């Protein structure tokens, strides 16, 4: 889990938008090299999205 101050550094402002299947936003790692070992859950308002329902897109790649 990211502490809020770390997430604030990673989130690209004005990228949160609705899509046909939910929503999307952009994160940009400007902190250090990172190994991602999983995604989720994400809580938006009062709704929780489990990792199995999330998709992470990387340029030229897609990770579900």
Protein backbone atom coordinates (compact mmCIF):
# COMPACT_ATOMS: atom_id res chain seq x y z
CA UNK A 1 0.00 0.00 0.00
CA UNK A 2 1.24 3.47 -0.85
CA UNK A 3 1.12 6.12 1.85
CA UNK A 4 -0.88 9.13 0.57
CA UNK A 5 2.22 11.34 0.26
CA UNK A 6 3.91 8.77 -2.02
CA UNK A 7 0.78 8.34 -4.13
CA UNK A 8 0.57 12.13 -4.53
CA UNK A 9 4.08 12.10 -6.03
CA UNK A 10 3.24 9.24 -8.44
CA UNK A 11 -0.18 10.42 -9.67
CA UNK A 12 -0.09 12.46 -12.89
CA UNK A 13 -2.47 15.38 -12.31
CA UNK A 14 -5.62 15.62 -14.43
CA UNK A 15 -5.36 12.02 -15.74
CA UNK A 16 -8.32 10.55 -13.81
CA UNK A 17 -11.19 9.97 -16.26
CA UNK A 18 -14.21 7.76 -16.81
CA UNK A 19 -14.07 5.06 -19.48
CA UNK A 20 -16.66 2.70 -20.97
CA UNK A 21 -15.59 0.00 -18.49
CA UNK A 22 -14.85 2.09 -15.39
CA UNK A 23 -12.10 4.63 -14.90
CA UNK A 24 -8.40 5.13 -15.56
CA UNK A 25 -5.56 7.28 -14.30
CA UNK A 26 -1.84 7.57 -14.86
CA UNK A 27 1.00 7.02 -12.41
CA UNK A 28 4.57 7.97 -13.21
CA UNK A 29 7.42 6.63 -11.10
CA UNK A 30 9.85 9.49 -10.52
CA UNK A 31 11.17 8.12 -7.24
CA UNK A 32 13.37 5.06 -7.91
CA UNK A 33 13.57 1.73 -9.74
CA UNK A 34 10.63 -0.46 -8.82
CA UNK A 35 9.55 -4.09 -9.04
CA UNK A 36 5.78 -4.40 -9.05
CA UNK A 37 4.62 -7.70 -7.55
CA UNK A 38 0.86 -7.11 -7.54
CA UNK A 39 -1.94 -4.60 -7.90
CA UNK A 40 -5.03 -3.95 -5.85
CA UNK A 41 -7.21 -3.54 -4.07
CA UNK A 42 -8.00 0.09 -4.91
CA UNK A 43 -10.70 2.00 -3.03
CA UNK A 44 -12.53 4.82 -4.81
CA UNK A 45 -15.10 6.54 -2.66
CA UNK A 46 -16.86 3.67 -0.92
CA UNK A 47 -16.25 1.08 -3.67
CA UNK A 48 -13.38 -1.42 -3.45
CA UNK A 49 -11.86 -2.85 -6.66
CA UNK A 50 -9.99 -6.12 -6.05
CA UNK A 51 -6.74 -6.87 -7.88
CA UNK A 52 -8.38 -9.44 -10.18
CA UNK A 53 -10.62 -6.72 -11.65
CA UNK A 54 -7.75 -4.28 -12.33
CA UNK A 55 -5.57 -3.95 -15.41
CA UNK A 56 -2.26 -2.14 -15.51
CA UNK A 57 -1.04 -0.91 -18.88
CA UNK A 58 2.62 -0.20 -19.57
CA UNK A 59 3.76 1.23 -22.92
CA UNK A 60 3.81 -1.73 -25.35
CA UNK A 61 2.67 -4.13 -22.59
CA UNK A 62 -0.44 -5.02 -20.60
CA UNK A 63 -0.51 -6.70 -17.20
CA UNK A 64 -3.72 -8.09 -15.66
